[in-house]
Amino acid sequence: MGEAGREVGIDTGPGGRRLSILGRATKADIRLDPYPHVVVHDALPEDVYRQLDAEFPEFDWIAGSEARENNRACLKPAAQALGSSQVSRLWQAFFEYHLSAAFFDEFVALWGPTVLAQHPGFQANFGKALKDFEVGVRATGKSEASDNREADVVLDCVFGVNTPVWQPTPVRGPHIDSPFKLFSSLLYFRRVDDDSVGGDHQMFRLRRRMYPRARLKKIPGRYVEPVGRVPYRANTLLFWLNGVSAIHGVTARGVTSVPRRYVATMGECYGGTARDGFFAHHPQWESTLGRARSLLNR
């Protein structure tokens, strides 16, 4: 890690800490409404961000066969980025740090008390304290991959682009992330020539009506109301804990030939006694009456 930083002329600090997306976040920055999250502007040191921005991989490499589709989300996970000739040494170092036990320790130091407060039974479900979790790297296949159950938490770091827009639509409407996901984040790499509007992270709050569990990944708008947004702005970090209240989406972008760029980090937990995932679970789904009520709200 340190060697990679020196080769590119950037001081990455001890263990690569100057590359950390959480390097400038504090517990005082954590907001609980509408779900636990942190927003940090100028999240990375200016010299680090400037070089990463200049070396952000080519759009066509990330988007692949979907490059010419309208407003499509395209991703390149660490499994495809690490070791690739398309990815610079500094980006390799960035990915390596965010896949490391050192980064997870940083997460625990910042978020540990909030995790335990938001998820009662967390430690009982996984059979150990959060600080004692064994850290691995997420394998392809998610819950179907046996390798993802070998560690207590598996981390991933992902290049993301949304393709250019000729017909404005939201790239992703209201949804909750996988019930295996503990946390997720977005660090924006908006291009300087991007004068489009939209593409912001939209936060939602549940209205009175409960939605069916099958709709976690695509929650109809009648169930939620928008309550806040994080602008799509260069070097802005949004980091959040997953949970039943973490309903979010992306606002529509206007017509533009410029892709929307970001890097995402995430931690997922596939072990424990809740084999279908511990996070993003609503108590009403546990009772027969609650399930019936949610189904009536289709």
Foldseek 3Di string as FASTA:
>chain_A
DCVLCVVVPHRLDVLSLLLDLCNPPALVQWDCVPHTKGKDALSHPPVLLVVCLVLPFDPCVQCPPCQPPAFAKGKDKPVRAAPDPRHGSSRNSSFVSLQDPVNQLVCCVHCVVVLCVQAPCPCVQLVHRSNPWFEAADDPPVLHDPVLQPTQKHKMKMKIKTHFHPDWDFNAAKAFDALQWFKKKKAWSDDPPDPKDWFWKWFKFFDPAAAAPVCRRPDDPVGIDTDDIGGRDHRMMMMGTGALSRIIGTTIIDGDRDMTIIMMMTMGGCDGDPNRHRGNDDPLVVDPVSNVRNVVVD
